[in-house]
Amino acid sequence: EREREREREREREREREREREREREREKEREREKEREKEREKERERERE
């Protein structure tokens, strides 16, 4: 019984790990989005010139 308990514990741990991984990925994605936005802004600026 205790063995199974520890197994479930490890499972939950791995789940949380994957969750954090996905979170970091989304963060990076938002960062890249902001960067692209800035780039588009610069482009618009140049076109106005």
Protein backbone atom coordinates (compact mmCIF):
# COMPACT_ATOMS: atom_id res chain seq x y z
CA GLU A 1 0.00 0.00 0.00
CA ARG A 2 2.69 2.48 0.93
CA GLU A 3 4.47 1.65 -2.30
CA ARG A 4 1.45 2.61 -4.35
CA GLU A 5 1.10 5.75 -2.32
CA ARG A 6 4.65 6.80 -3.20
CA GLU A 7 3.98 5.93 -6.82
CA ARG A 8 1.00 8.25 -6.93
CA GLU A 9 3.06 10.92 -5.24
CA ARG A 10 5.74 10.70 -7.92
CA GLU A 11 3.06 10.81 -10.57
CA ARG A 12 1.67 14.03 -9.17
CA GLU A 13 5.18 15.44 -8.99
CA ARG A 14 5.80 14.71 -12.67
CA GLU A 15 2.45 16.27 -13.49
CA ARG A 16 3.39 19.48 -11.72
CA GLU A 17 6.74 19.46 -13.50
CA ARG A 18 5.08 19.24 -16.89
CA GLU A 19 2.73 22.01 -15.86
CA ARG A 20 5.62 24.31 -15.00
CA GLU A 21 7.28 23.42 -18.30
CA ARG A 22 4.20 24.44 -20.25
CA GLU A 23 4.00 27.62 -18.23
CA ARG A 24 7.58 28.57 -19.14
CA GLU A 25 6.86 27.81 -22.78
CA ARG A 26 3.86 30.12 -22.77
CA GLU A 27 5.98 32.80 -21.13
CA LYS A 28 8.62 32.56 -23.86
CA GLU A 29 5.88 32.70 -26.46
CA ARG A 30 4.50 35.94 -25.02
CA GLU A 31 8.00 37.39 -24.94
CA ARG A 32 8.58 36.55 -28.59
CA GLU A 33 5.20 38.06 -29.41
CA LYS A 34 6.16 41.34 -27.77
CA GLU A 35 9.43 41.33 -29.71
CA ARG A 36 7.64 40.85 -33.00
CA GLU A 37 5.28 43.63 -32.05
CA LYS A 38 8.18 46.02 -31.51
CA GLU A 39 9.62 45.01 -34.86
CA ARG A 40 6.35 45.75 -36.60
CA GLU A 41 6.25 49.10 -34.88
CA LYS A 42 9.70 49.98 -36.20
CA GLU A 43 8.59 48.94 -39.67
CA ARG A 44 5.60 51.25 -39.52
CA GLU A 45 7.85 54.06 -38.37
CA ARG A 46 10.15 53.57 -41.34
CA GLU A 47 7.24 53.59 -43.74
CA ARG A 48 6.06 56.93 -42.44
CA GLU A 49 9.42 58.49 -43.24
